[in-house]
Amino acid sequence: MIRTKNRACAGKIRHPTRPDAEEHKARLIEQGAVRLNVYRCRRRSCHGWHVGHLPRNRTTQ
C-alpha cells in the first residue's frame, strides 16, 4: 500500500489549469519520462492540477 495521506502535494508542482499541466507533462516526456498522468488534486487547499506517474502493472505469480 502506498501512503499518500497528508503528502499528496508534497514535491509536486501545482498547475492552475489542465492545459498547463498537459504542457508540463509533454516537456517531461521529451526529457525521457514515461507513464505520466495529469490529474486534479483532491486537496481542498490546492485545487490545482498535478503530473504524476501511473501505477505499475501488477504481476501475479
Protein backbone atom coordinates (compact mmCIF):
# COMPACT_ATOMS: atom_id res chain seq x y z
CA MET A 1 0.00 0.00 0.00
CA ILE A 2 1.23 3.48 -0.85
CA ARG A 3 0.62 6.07 1.83
CA THR A 4 -0.22 9.49 0.43
CA LYS A 5 -2.27 10.98 3.25
CA ASN A 6 -1.09 14.50 4.17
CA ARG A 7 1.55 14.50 1.44
CA ALA A 8 -0.48 14.40 -1.77
CA CYS A 9 1.02 17.70 -2.97
CA ALA A 10 4.46 17.34 -1.40
CA GLY A 11 7.16 17.71 -4.02
CA LYS A 12 4.73 18.31 -6.87
CA ILE A 13 4.24 21.38 -9.00
CA ARG A 14 0.77 22.91 -8.85
CA HIS A 15 -0.63 23.93 -12.22
CA PRO A 16 -3.66 26.26 -12.27
CA THR A 17 -5.22 24.63 -15.37
CA ARG A 18 -5.25 21.26 -17.07
CA PRO A 19 -3.64 22.63 -20.28
CA ASP A 20 -0.72 23.97 -18.20
CA ALA A 21 -0.27 20.53 -16.63
CA GLU A 22 -0.51 18.82 -20.03
CA GLU A 23 2.21 21.14 -21.36
CA HIS A 24 4.44 20.28 -18.41
CA LYS A 25 3.78 16.57 -19.00
CA ALA A 26 4.86 16.96 -22.64
CA ARG A 27 8.13 18.61 -21.58
CA LEU A 28 8.81 15.80 -19.10
CA ILE A 29 8.19 13.19 -21.80
CA GLU A 30 10.64 14.99 -24.11
CA GLN A 31 13.22 14.63 -21.33
CA GLY A 32 12.63 10.87 -21.12
CA ALA A 33 9.90 10.44 -18.52
CA VAL A 34 7.37 7.67 -19.11
CA ARG A 35 3.91 6.63 -17.89
CA LEU A 36 2.76 10.08 -16.76
CA ASN A 37 -0.75 11.19 -15.94
CA VAL A 38 -2.37 14.60 -15.40
CA TYR A 39 -4.90 14.70 -12.57
CA ARG A 40 -6.93 17.14 -10.49
CA CYS A 41 -5.70 17.41 -6.90
CA ARG A 42 -8.20 16.29 -4.29
CA ARG A 43 -6.87 18.51 -1.52
CA ARG A 44 -9.21 21.37 -0.73
CA SER A 45 -6.35 23.76 -0.11
CA CYS A 46 -4.75 23.07 -3.52
CA HIS A 47 -7.47 22.97 -6.20
CA GLY A 48 -4.76 22.58 -8.84
CA TRP A 49 -3.58 20.06 -11.39
CA HIS A 50 -0.55 17.79 -10.99
CA VAL A 51 1.54 15.49 -13.17
CA GLY A 52 2.26 12.11 -11.65
CA HIS A 53 3.28 8.61 -12.59
CA LEU A 54 0.77 5.95 -13.49
CA PRO A 55 0.79 2.90 -11.24
CA ARG A 56 2.92 -0.02 -12.34
CA ASN A 57 1.28 -3.13 -13.73
CA ARG A 58 0.84 -5.80 -11.12
CA THR A 59 2.01 -9.26 -11.93
CA THR A 60 0.54 -12.36 -10.35
CA GLN A 61 2.67 -15.33 -9.51
